[in-house]
C-alpha atoms as a PDB file:
ATOM      1  CA  SER A   1    -100.831  14.395-214.289  1.00  0.00           C
ATOM      2  CA  SER A   2    -100.381  10.679-214.757  1.00  0.00           C
ATOM      3  CA  SER A   3    -103.310   8.329-214.294  1.00  0.00           C
ATOM      4  CA  PRO A   4    -103.345   4.690-213.192  1.00  0.00           C
ATOM      5  CA  THR A   5    -103.632   2.203-215.972  1.00  0.00           C
ATOM      6  CA  SER A   6    -106.066  -0.045-214.166  1.00  0.00           C
ATOM      7  CA  GLY A   7    -109.013   0.365-211.825  1.00  0.00           C
ATOM      8  CA  GLY A   8    -108.719  -0.843-208.262  1.00  0.00           C
ATOM      9  CA  ASP A   9    -111.936  -2.866-208.455  1.00  0.00           C
ATOM     10  CA  GLY A  10    -110.390  -5.614-210.579  1.00  0.00           C
ATOM     11  CA  ARG A  11    -112.372  -4.774-213.681  1.00  0.00           C
ATOM     12  CA  ARG A  12    -110.939  -3.677-216.975  1.00  0.00           C
ATOM     13  CA  PRO A  13    -109.887  -0.006-217.067  1.00  0.00           C
ATOM     14  CA  LEU A  14    -111.016   2.450-219.670  1.00  0.00           C
ATOM     15  CA  ARG A  15    -108.845   1.840-222.716  1.00  0.00           C
ATOM     16  CA  LYS A  16    -107.460   4.076-225.429  1.00  0.00           C
ATOM     17  CA  LEU A  17    -108.638   3.605-228.978  1.00  0.00           C
ATOM     18  CA  PRO A  18    -106.720   0.846-230.743  1.00  0.00           C
ATOM     19  CA  ASN A  19    -105.071   3.417-232.997  1.00  0.00           C
ATOM     20  CA  GLY A  20    -104.218   5.704-230.074  1.00  0.00           C
ATOM     21  CA  GLN A  21    -106.214   8.619-231.493  1.00  0.00           C
ATOM     22  CA  THR A  22    -107.954  11.299-229.482  1.00  0.00           C
ATOM     23  CA  PRO A  23    -111.326  12.754-230.485  1.00  0.00           C
ATOM     24  CA  PRO A  24    -111.372  14.969-233.566  1.00  0.00           C
ATOM     25  CA  ASP A  25    -111.788  18.730-233.350  1.00  0.00           C
ATOM     26  CA  SER A  26    -109.477  18.994-230.322  1.00  0.00           C
ATOM     27  CA  PRO A  27    -107.155  22.008-230.724  1.00  0.00           C
ATOM     28  CA  ASP A  28    -104.536  20.402-228.493  1.00  0.00           C
ATOM     29  CA  GLN A  29    -104.269  16.646-228.947  1.00  0.00           C
ATOM     30  CA  SER A  30    -101.793  16.346-226.079  1.00  0.00           C
ATOM     31  CA  LEU A  31    -104.361  17.577-223.551  1.00  0.00           C
ATOM     32  CA  ALA A  32    -106.857  14.763-224.065  1.00  0.00           C
ATOM     33  CA  PRO A  33    -105.099  11.426-223.536  1.00  0.00           C
ATOM     34  CA  ALA A  34    -108.072   9.979-221.623  1.00  0.00           C
ATOM     35  CA  ALA A  35    -110.753  11.055-224.041  1.00  0.00           C
ATOM     36  CA  SER A  36    -110.751   7.923-226.173  1.00  0.00           C
ATOM     37  CA  ARG A  37    -110.521   5.211-223.541  1.00  0.00           C
ATOM     38  CA  GLY A  38    -112.556   2.066-223.867  1.00  0.00           C
ATOM     39  CA  ALA A  39    -114.247   2.323-227.253  1.00  0.00           C
ATOM     40  CA  SER A  40    -113.795   0.112-230.248  1.00  0.00           C
ATOM     41  CA  ALA A  41    -112.654   2.010-233.332  1.00  0.00           C
ATOM     42  CA  ALA A  42    -115.979   1.630-235.136  1.00  0.00           C
ATOM     43  CA  ALA A  43    -118.181   2.594-232.176  1.00  0.00           C
ATOM     44  CA  SER A  44    -115.969   5.552-231.260  1.00  0.00           C
ATOM     45  CA  ALA A  45    -115.879   6.870-234.815  1.00  0.00           C
ATOM     46  CA  SER A  46    -119.685   6.827-234.955  1.00  0.00           C
ATOM     47  CA  VAL A  47    -120.091   8.688-231.672  1.00  0.00           C
ATOM     48  CA  PHE A  48    -117.272  11.178-232.272  1.00  0.00           C
ATOM     49  CA  ARG A  49    -118.653  12.115-235.703  1.00  0.00           C
ATOM     50  CA  SER A  50    -121.888  13.188-233.981  1.00  0.00           C
ATOM     51  CA  MET A  51    -120.079  15.626-231.686  1.00  0.00           C
ATOM     52  CA  PRO A  52    -120.440  19.338-232.492  1.00  0.00           C
ATOM     53  CA  ARG A  53    -117.366  21.145-233.731  1.00  0.00           C
ATOM     54  CA  PRO A  54    -115.585  23.651-231.469  1.00  0.00           C
ATOM     55  CA  PRO A  55    -115.589  27.309-232.504  1.00  0.00           C
ATOM     56  CA  PRO A  56    -112.927  28.199-235.091  1.00  0.00           C
ATOM     57  CA  LEU A  57    -109.576  29.497-233.941  1.00  0.00           C
ATOM     58  CA  GLY A  58    -108.626  33.140-234.335  1.00  0.00           C
ATOM     59  CA  ARG A  59    -108.859  36.487-232.610  1.00  0.00           C
ATOM     60  CA  GLY A  60    -112.374  37.422-231.618  1.00  0.00           C
ATOM     61  CA  ALA A  61    -114.256  39.228-234.326  1.00  0.00           C
ATOM     62  CA  PRO A  62    -117.525  41.024-233.467  1.00  0.00           C
ATOM     63  CA  GLY A  63    -119.463  37.781-233.982  1.00  0.00           C
ATOM     64  CA  ALA A  64    -117.004  35.507-232.176  1.00  0.00           C
ATOM     65  CA  ARG A  65    -119.351  34.922-229.272  1.00  0.00           C
ATOM     66  CA  ARG A  66    -121.962  33.269-231.450  1.00  0.00           C
ATOM     67  CA  PRO A  67    -120.023  30.079-232.331  1.00  0.00           C
ATOM     68  CA  MET A  68    -119.467  29.056-228.681  1.00  0.00           C
ATOM     69  CA  ARG A  69    -123.131  29.534-227.865  1.00  0.00           C
ATOM     70  CA  ASP A  70    -124.071  27.388-230.853  1.00  0.00           C
ATOM     71  CA  PHE A  71    -121.462  24.789-229.964  1.00  0.00           C
ATOM     72  CA  PHE A  72    -122.656  24.537-226.364  1.00  0.00           C
ATOM     73  CA  ALA A  73    -126.306  24.110-227.394  1.00  0.00           C
ATOM     74  CA  ALA A  74    -125.302  21.295-229.763  1.00  0.00           C
ATOM     75  CA  TRP A  75    -122.991  19.838-227.115  1.00  0.00           C
ATOM     76  CA  LEU A  76    -125.828  19.674-224.569  1.00  0.00           C
ATOM     77  CA  ALA A  77    -128.158  18.130-227.139  1.00  0.00           C
ATOM     78  CA  THR A  78    -125.628  15.401-227.962  1.00  0.00           C
ATOM     79  CA  LEU A  79    -125.057  14.679-224.271  1.00  0.00           C
ATOM     80  CA  ARG A  80    -128.809  14.483-223.709  1.00  0.00           C
ATOM     81  CA  SER A  81    -129.238  12.142-226.644  1.00  0.00           C
ATOM     82  CA  PRO A  82    -127.673   9.829-227.647  1.00  0.00           C
ATOM     83  CA  LEU A  83    -124.764   9.751-225.155  1.00  0.00           C
ATOM     84  CA  LEU A  84    -126.545   9.653-221.786  1.00  0.00           C
ATOM     85  CA  PRO A  85    -129.281   7.192-222.878  1.00  0.00           C
ATOM     86  CA  LEU A  86    -126.601   4.900-224.335  1.00  0.00           C
ATOM     87  CA  LEU A  87    -124.680   4.989-221.067  1.00  0.00           C
ATOM     88  CA  ARG A  88    -127.808   4.326-219.011  1.00  0.00           C
ATOM     89  CA  ARG A  89    -128.800   1.371-221.187  1.00  0.00           C
ATOM     90  CA  ALA A  90    -125.326  -0.095-220.889  1.00  0.00           C
ATOM     91  CA  LEU A  91    -125.403   0.312-217.102  1.00  0.00           C
ATOM     92  CA  SER A  92    -128.836  -1.288-216.739  1.00  0.00           C
ATOM     93  CA  SER A  93    -128.177  -4.156-219.129  1.00  0.00           C
ATOM     94  CA  SER A  94    -125.066  -5.333-217.300  1.00  0.00           C
ATOM     95  CA  PRO A  95    -125.309  -4.225-213.653  1.00  0.00           C
ATOM     96  CA  GLY A  96    -121.952  -4.542-211.960  1.00  0.00           C
ATOM     97  CA  ALA A  97    -120.234  -5.715-215.142  1.00  0.00           C
ATOM     98  CA  TRP A  98    -117.601  -3.961-217.224  1.00  0.00           C
ATOM     99  CA  ASN A  99    -118.110  -5.019-220.801  1.00  0.00           C
ATOM    100  CA  ASP A 100    -117.459  -3.526-224.228  1.00  0.00           C
ATOM    101  CA  PRO A 101    -120.818  -1.678-224.573  1.00  0.00           C
ATOM    102  CA  LEU A 102    -120.414  -0.069-221.147  1.00  0.00           C
ATOM    103  CA  SER A 103    -116.745   0.688-221.784  1.00  0.00           C
ATOM    104  CA  SER A 104    -117.592   2.310-225.118  1.00  0.00           C
ATOM    105  CA  ALA A 105    -120.491   4.356-223.701  1.00  0.00           C
ATOM    106  CA  ALA A 106    -118.411   5.613-220.756  1.00  0.00           C
ATOM    107  CA  ALA A 107    -115.495   6.515-223.028  1.00  0.00           C
ATOM    108  CA  ALA A 108    -117.815   8.455-225.347  1.00  0.00           C
ATOM    109  CA  VAL A 109    -119.164  10.540-222.441  1.00  0.00           C
ATOM    110  CA  GLU A 110    -115.667  11.258-221.146  1.00  0.00           C
ATOM    111  CA  ALA A 111    -114.610  12.244-224.654  1.00  0.00           C
ATOM    112  CA  HIS A 112    -117.598  14.569-224.878  1.00  0.00           C
ATOM    113  CA  PHE A 113    -116.468  16.511-221.809  1.00  0.00           C
ATOM    114  CA  GLU A 114    -112.965  16.669-223.265  1.00  0.00           C
ATOM    115  CA  ALA A 115    -114.467  18.162-226.440  1.00  0.00           C
ATOM    116  CA  HIS A 116    -116.223  20.798-224.334  1.00  0.00           C
ATOM    117  CA  TRP A 117    -112.979  21.937-222.712  1.00  0.00           C
ATOM    118  CA  SER A 118    -111.245  21.934-226.079  1.00  0.00           C
ATOM    119  CA  ALA A 119    -113.997  24.240-227.337  1.00  0.00           C
ATOM    120  CA  LEU A 120    -113.479  26.507-224.326  1.00  0.00           C
ATOM    121  CA  ASP A 121    -109.772  26.578-225.163  1.00  0.00           C
ATOM    122  CA  SER A 122    -110.649  27.694-228.681  1.00  0.00           C
ATOM    123  CA  ALA A 123    -113.025  30.350-227.343  1.00  0.00           C
ATOM    124  CA  ALA A 124    -110.319  31.588-224.947  1.00  0.00           C
ATOM    125  CA  ARG A 125    -107.944  32.032-227.872  1.00  0.00           C
ATOM    126  CA  GLN A 126    -110.604  34.108-229.641  1.00  0.00           C
ATOM    127  CA  ASP A 127    -111.887  36.152-226.721  1.00  0.00           C
ATOM    128  CA  PRO A 128    -110.467  35.242-223.283  1.00  0.00           C
ATOM    129  CA  ALA A 129    -112.608  37.791-221.463  1.00  0.00           C
ATOM    130  CA  GLN A 130    -115.718  36.056-222.767  1.00  0.00           C
ATOM    131  CA  VAL A 131    -114.570  32.765-221.247  1.00  0.00           C
ATOM    132  CA  ILE A 132    -113.275  34.110-217.927  1.00  0.00           C
ATOM    133  CA  CYS A 133    -116.521  36.049-217.383  1.00  0.00           C
ATOM    134  CA  ALA A 134    -119.216  33.410-217.878  1.00  0.00           C
ATOM    135  CA  GLY A 135    -120.426  33.491-221.455  1.00  0.00           C
ATOM    136  CA  ASP A 136    -123.991  34.147-222.524  1.00  0.00           C
ATOM    137  CA  TRP A 137    -124.499  30.428-223.170  1.00  0.00           C
ATOM    138  CA  ARG A 138    -124.603  29.728-219.417  1.00  0.00           C
ATOM    139  CA  SER A 139    -127.847  29.179-217.533  1.00  0.00           C
ATOM    140  CA  PRO A 140    -128.490  31.165-214.320  1.00  0.00           C
ATOM    141  CA  LEU A 141    -128.300  27.923-212.336  1.00  0.00           C
ATOM    142  CA  GLU A 142    -124.740  27.300-213.522  1.00  0.00           C
ATOM    143  CA  LEU A 143    -123.372  30.619-212.338  1.00  0.00           C
ATOM    144  CA  PRO A 144    -122.821  29.687-208.639  1.00  0.00           C
ATOM    145  CA  PHE A 145    -120.759  26.672-209.726  1.00  0.00           C
ATOM    146  CA  LEU A 146    -118.447  28.466-212.162  1.00  0.00           C
ATOM    147  CA  TRP A 147    -114.783  29.302-211.681  1.00  0.00           C
ATOM    148  CA  LEU A 148    -112.770  30.899-214.479  1.00  0.00           C
ATOM    149  CA  GLY A 149    -115.366  30.113-217.103  1.00  0.00           C
ATOM    150  CA  ASP A 150    -116.558  26.606-216.239  1.00  0.00           C
ATOM    151  CA  PHE A 151    -117.479  24.337-213.347  1.00  0.00           C
ATOM    152  CA  HIS A 152    -115.153  24.495-210.368  1.00  0.00           C
ATOM    153  CA  PRO A 153    -113.025  21.317-210.406  1.00  0.00           C
ATOM    154  CA  SER A 154    -114.036  20.498-206.820  1.00  0.00           C
ATOM    155  CA  LEU A 155    -117.552  19.852-208.147  1.00  0.00           C
ATOM    156  CA  LEU A 156    -116.169  16.678-209.736  1.00  0.00           C
ATOM    157  CA  THR A 157    -114.832  15.288-206.454  1.00  0.00           C
ATOM    158  CA  SER A 158    -118.060  16.255-204.672  1.00  0.00           C
ATOM    159  CA  LEU A 159    -120.090  14.325-207.239  1.00  0.00           C
ATOM    160  CA  LEU A 160    -117.857  11.293-206.862  1.00  0.00           C
ATOM    161  CA  ARG A 161    -118.282  11.322-203.083  1.00  0.00           C
ATOM    162  CA  SER A 162    -122.064  11.496-203.461  1.00  0.00           C
ATOM    163  CA  LEU A 163    -122.001   7.999-204.997  1.00  0.00           C
ATOM    164  CA  SER A 164    -120.861   6.432-201.687  1.00  0.00           C
ATOM    165  CA  PRO A 165    -117.580   5.093-203.080  1.00  0.00           C
ATOM    166  CA  SER A 166    -115.171   2.728-201.341  1.00  0.00           C
ATOM    167  CA  PRO A 167    -112.579   3.965-198.841  1.00  0.00           C
ATOM    168  CA  ARG A 168    -109.932   3.450-201.517  1.00  0.00           C
ATOM    169  CA  LEU A 169    -111.763   5.708-203.934  1.00  0.00           C
ATOM    170  CA  LEU A 170    -112.430   8.295-201.235  1.00  0.00           C
ATOM    171  CA  ALA A 171    -108.695   8.395-200.579  1.00  0.00           C
ATOM    172  CA  SER A 172    -108.119   9.011-204.289  1.00  0.00           C
ATOM    173  CA  ALA A 173    -110.671  11.836-204.224  1.00  0.00           C
ATOM    174  CA  ASP A 174    -108.834  13.340-201.235  1.00  0.00           C
ATOM    175  CA  ARG A 175    -105.568  13.327-203.188  1.00  0.00           C
ATOM    176  CA  VAL A 176    -107.229  15.034-206.140  1.00  0.00           C
ATOM    177  CA  ASP A 177    -108.794  17.599-203.785  1.00  0.00           C
ATOM    178  CA  ARG A 178    -105.371  18.452-202.405  1.00  0.00           C
ATOM    179  CA  ARG A 179    -104.188  19.074-205.938  1.00  0.00           C
ATOM    180  CA  ILE A 180    -107.204  21.330-206.563  1.00  0.00           C
ATOM    181  CA  ARG A 181    -106.644  23.284-203.340  1.00  0.00           C
ATOM    182  CA  ALA A 182    -103.036  23.894-204.370  1.00  0.00           C
ATOM    183  CA  ALA A 183    -103.814  24.957-207.943  1.00  0.00           C
ATOM    184  CA  VAL A 184    -106.966  27.048-207.620  1.00  0.00           C
ATOM    185  CA  PRO A 185    -105.556  29.860-205.418  1.00  0.00           C
ATOM    186  CA  VAL A 186    -102.524  30.186-207.698  1.00  0.00           C
ATOM    187  CA  LEU A 187    -104.686  30.720-210.782  1.00  0.00           C
ATOM    188  CA  SER A 188    -107.109  33.018-208.947  1.00  0.00           C
ATOM    189  CA  ASP A 189    -104.192  35.134-207.680  1.00  0.00           C
ATOM    190  CA  ARG A 190    -102.711  35.210-211.171  1.00  0.00           C
ATOM    191  CA  LEU A 191    -105.953  36.591-212.572  1.00  0.00           C
ATOM    192  CA  ARG A 192    -106.256  39.162-209.782  1.00  0.00           C
ATOM    193  CA  HIS A 193    -102.667  40.306-210.327  1.00  0.00           C
ATOM    194  CA  ALA A 194    -103.283  40.735-214.066  1.00  0.00           C
ATOM    195  CA  GLN A 195    -106.355  42.826-213.312  1.00  0.00           C
ATOM    196  CA  GLU A 196    -104.486  44.995-210.835  1.00  0.00           C
ATOM    197  CA  VAL A 197    -101.585  45.592-213.230  1.00  0.00           C
ATOM    198  CA  PHE A 198    -103.930  46.498-216.064  1.00  0.00           C
ATOM    199  CA  THR A 199    -106.032  48.803-213.869  1.00  0.00           C
ATOM    200  CA  SER A 200    -102.985  50.672-212.549  1.00  0.00           C
ATOM    201  CA  ALA A 201    -101.545  51.030-216.038  1.00  0.00           C
ATOM    202  CA  GLU A 202    -104.884  52.192-217.421  1.00  0.00           C
ATOM    203  CA  VAL A 203    -105.106  54.944-214.796  1.00  0.00           C
ATOM    204  CA  ALA A 204    -101.561  56.018-215.709  1.00  0.00           C
ATOM    205  CA  GLY A 205    -102.464  55.995-219.379  1.00  0.00           C
ATOM    206  CA  GLY A 206    -100.115  53.187-220.418  1.00  0.00           C
ATOM    207  CA  ALA A 207    -102.172  49.964-220.279  1.00  0.00           C
ATOM    208  CA  ASP A 208    -101.053  47.102-222.510  1.00  0.00           C
ATOM    209  CA  LEU A 209    -104.319  45.502-223.625  1.00  0.00           C
ATOM    210  CA  GLU A 210    -102.604  42.806-225.688  1.00  0.00           C
ATOM    211  CA  ALA A 211    -100.519  41.666-222.722  1.00  0.00           C
ATOM    212  CA  PHE A 212    -103.596  41.644-220.485  1.00  0.00           C
ATOM    213  CA  LEU A 213    -105.575  39.503-222.942  1.00  0.00           C
ATOM    214  CA  GLU A 214    -102.649  37.117-223.317  1.00  0.00           C
ATOM    215  CA  GLU A 215    -102.559  36.627-219.555  1.00  0.00           C
ATOM    216  CA  LEU A 216    -106.326  36.062-219.440  1.00  0.00           C
ATOM    217  CA  LYS A 217    -105.963  33.458-222.165  1.00  0.00           C
ATOM    218  CA  ALA A 218    -103.158  31.685-220.318  1.00  0.00           C
ATOM    219  CA  VAL A 219    -105.198  31.583-217.110  1.00  0.00           C
ATOM    220  CA  ALA A 220    -108.256  30.217-218.919  1.00  0.00           C
ATOM    221  CA  LEU A 221    -106.230  27.498-220.669  1.00  0.00           C
ATOM    222  CA  GLU A 222    -104.584  26.474-217.413  1.00  0.00           C
ATOM    223  CA  ALA A 223    -107.956  26.270-215.645  1.00  0.00           C
ATOM    224  CA  ASN A 224    -109.296  23.986-218.376  1.00  0.00           C
ATOM    225  CA  ARG A 225    -106.147  21.876-218.153  1.00  0.00           C
ATOM    226  CA  LEU A 226    -106.788  21.457-214.425  1.00  0.00           C
ATOM    227  CA  ARG A 227    -110.397  20.375-215.016  1.00  0.00           C
ATOM    228  CA  ARG A 228    -109.232  17.950-217.697  1.00  0.00           C
ATOM    229  CA  GLY A 229    -106.691  16.355-215.369  1.00  0.00           C
ATOM    230  CA  VAL A 230    -109.143  16.109-212.476  1.00  0.00           C
ATOM    231  CA  LEU A 231    -111.740  14.285-214.571  1.00  0.00           C
ATOM    232  CA  SER A 232    -109.112  11.951-216.026  1.00  0.00           C
ATOM    233  CA  ASP A 233    -107.681  11.124-212.599  1.00  0.00           C
ATOM    234  CA  LEU A 234    -111.094  10.468-211.039  1.00  0.00           C
ATOM    235  CA  VAL A 235    -112.276   8.259-213.894  1.00  0.00           C
ATOM    236  CA  ALA A 236    -109.044   6.276-213.780  1.00  0.00           C
ATOM    237  CA  ALA A 237    -109.205   5.938-209.987  1.00  0.00           C
ATOM    238  CA  ALA A 238    -112.836   4.808-210.044  1.00  0.00           C
ATOM    239  CA  GLY A 239    -112.334   2.353-212.891  1.00  0.00           C
ATOM    240  CA  GLY A 240    -114.875   0.134-214.560  1.00  0.00           C
ATOM    241  CA  HIS A 241    -118.521   0.226-213.499  1.00  0.00           C
ATOM    242  CA  GLN A 242    -117.933   2.893-210.826  1.00  0.00           C
ATOM    243  CA  ALA A 243    -116.379   5.204-213.406  1.00  0.00           C
ATOM    244  CA  ALA A 244    -119.443   4.779-215.622  1.00  0.00           C
ATOM    245  CA  LEU A 245    -121.740   5.639-212.688  1.00  0.00           C
ATOM    246  CA  PHE A 246    -119.659   8.756-212.001  1.00  0.00           C
ATOM    247  CA  LEU A 247    -119.845   9.908-215.621  1.00  0.00           C
ATOM    248  CA  GLU A 248    -123.599   9.319-215.624  1.00  0.00           C
ATOM    249  CA  ALA A 249    -123.997  11.444-212.472  1.00  0.00           C
ATOM    250  CA  LEU A 250    -121.873  14.225-213.981  1.00  0.00           C
ATOM    251  CA  SER A 251    -123.939  14.195-217.177  1.00  0.00           C
ATOM    252  CA  ARG A 252    -127.229  14.322-215.281  1.00  0.00           C
ATOM    253  CA  PHE A 253    -126.013  17.233-213.181  1.00  0.00           C
ATOM    254  CA  VAL A 254    -124.872  19.286-216.164  1.00  0.00           C
ATOM    255  CA  LEU A 255    -128.116  18.650-218.040  1.00  0.00           C
ATOM    256  CA  SER A 256    -130.204  19.556-215.002  1.00  0.00           C
ATOM    257  CA  MET A 257    -128.706  23.053-215.088  1.00  0.00           C
ATOM    258  CA  HIS A 258    -130.444  23.542-218.459  1.00  0.00           C
ATOM    259  CA  ASP A 259    -133.631  21.594-217.819  1.00  0.00           C
ATOM    260  CA  PRO A 260    -136.662  23.851-218.574  1.00  0.00           C
ATOM    261  CA  VAL A 261    -138.630  22.442-215.634  1.00  0.00           C
ATOM    262  CA  VAL A 262    -135.755  23.042-213.204  1.00  0.00           C
ATOM    263  CA  LEU A 263    -135.187  26.538-214.583  1.00  0.00           C
ATOM    264  CA  ARG A 264    -138.876  27.418-214.156  1.00  0.00           C
ATOM    265  CA  ARG A 265    -138.704  26.277-210.533  1.00  0.00           C
ATOM    266  CA  PHE A 266    -135.582  28.394-210.095  1.00  0.00           C
ATOM    267  CA  ASP A 267    -137.347  31.459-211.514  1.00  0.00           C
ATOM    268  CA  HIS A 268    -140.295  30.943-209.164  1.00  0.00           C
ATOM    269  CA  CYS A 269    -137.959  30.733-206.158  1.00  0.00           C
ATOM    270  CA  ARG A 270    -136.275  34.029-206.943  1.00  0.00           C
ATOM    271  CA  PRO A 271    -137.915  37.006-205.208  1.00  0.00           C
ATOM    272  CA  SER A 272    -139.177  39.775-207.422  1.00  0.00           C
ATOM    273  CA  PRO A 273    -137.343  43.136-207.209  1.00  0.00           C
ATOM    274  CA  GLY A 274    -140.393  44.705-205.623  1.00  0.00           C
ATOM    275  CA  ILE A 275    -140.132  42.528-202.507  1.00  0.00           C
ATOM    276  CA  PHE A 276    -136.873  44.126-201.434  1.00  0.00           C
ATOM    277  CA  GLY A 277    -138.276  47.596-202.086  1.00  0.00           C
ATOM    278  CA  LYS A 278    -141.242  46.952-199.804  1.00  0.00           C
ATOM    279  CA  HIS A 279    -139.036  45.823-196.951  1.00  0.00           C
ATOM    280  CA  GLU A 280    -136.728  48.791-197.367  1.00  0.00           C
ATOM    281  CA  ALA A 281    -139.649  51.203-197.294  1.00  0.00           C
ATOM    282  CA  ARG A 282    -140.868  49.960-193.903  1.00  0.00           C
END
């Protein structure tokens, strides 16, 4: 989808790199046009070099699940530091302003999420079932928010609304939500149809596993493309300082799903298996 070239708040929009490049290690350069907005060439090169590499391309060998788990751990670590602290410092040093440090920090965070979806694309090409069914790199807190292997795109609009944006930005979020509501059922139905066809063929003894995996891969890639477009559209609609606040909120939310303190609280809130047995025995 196309994105506005300027924010509605009168501040400078996120810009592309002067040389028009997208972040390295992206399997599909055409899918990440927004990833390199707003950073100077030198600052962007420094940040992008620190990003972990996506898993290698190729059909999933027995150890293919390991690279994505390693990538995601490194991806979280890079988001935790230095990307989020850099963004927070830029926000606090120039409240309400949209300057080069803030532009560069926001662009680096957006690029980091683009790199994550590019890595998921690579993983889907290796082993689409691993991506569709949440991989073993996910925390238990993430699971309720996942759809076809990653966060449901409506989470992004919900986060934006939580920042109390202007009526103009709320209207933009509504337009993006309509796009999500149109696209999500189509992809979900496509996955269900592929499962039904494979199941029926398997019972009849003529299942085409290769065709089934190809359809899973196509669904996973399309879901990531939707998430990519939603983030790009929301960042462009917010523009400037508001876009940086949105990216900070998104980063904090993702990191909280892997925070040891939060996970311990989650474990303590979950009832033990014995509790249900006691109630059933009464």
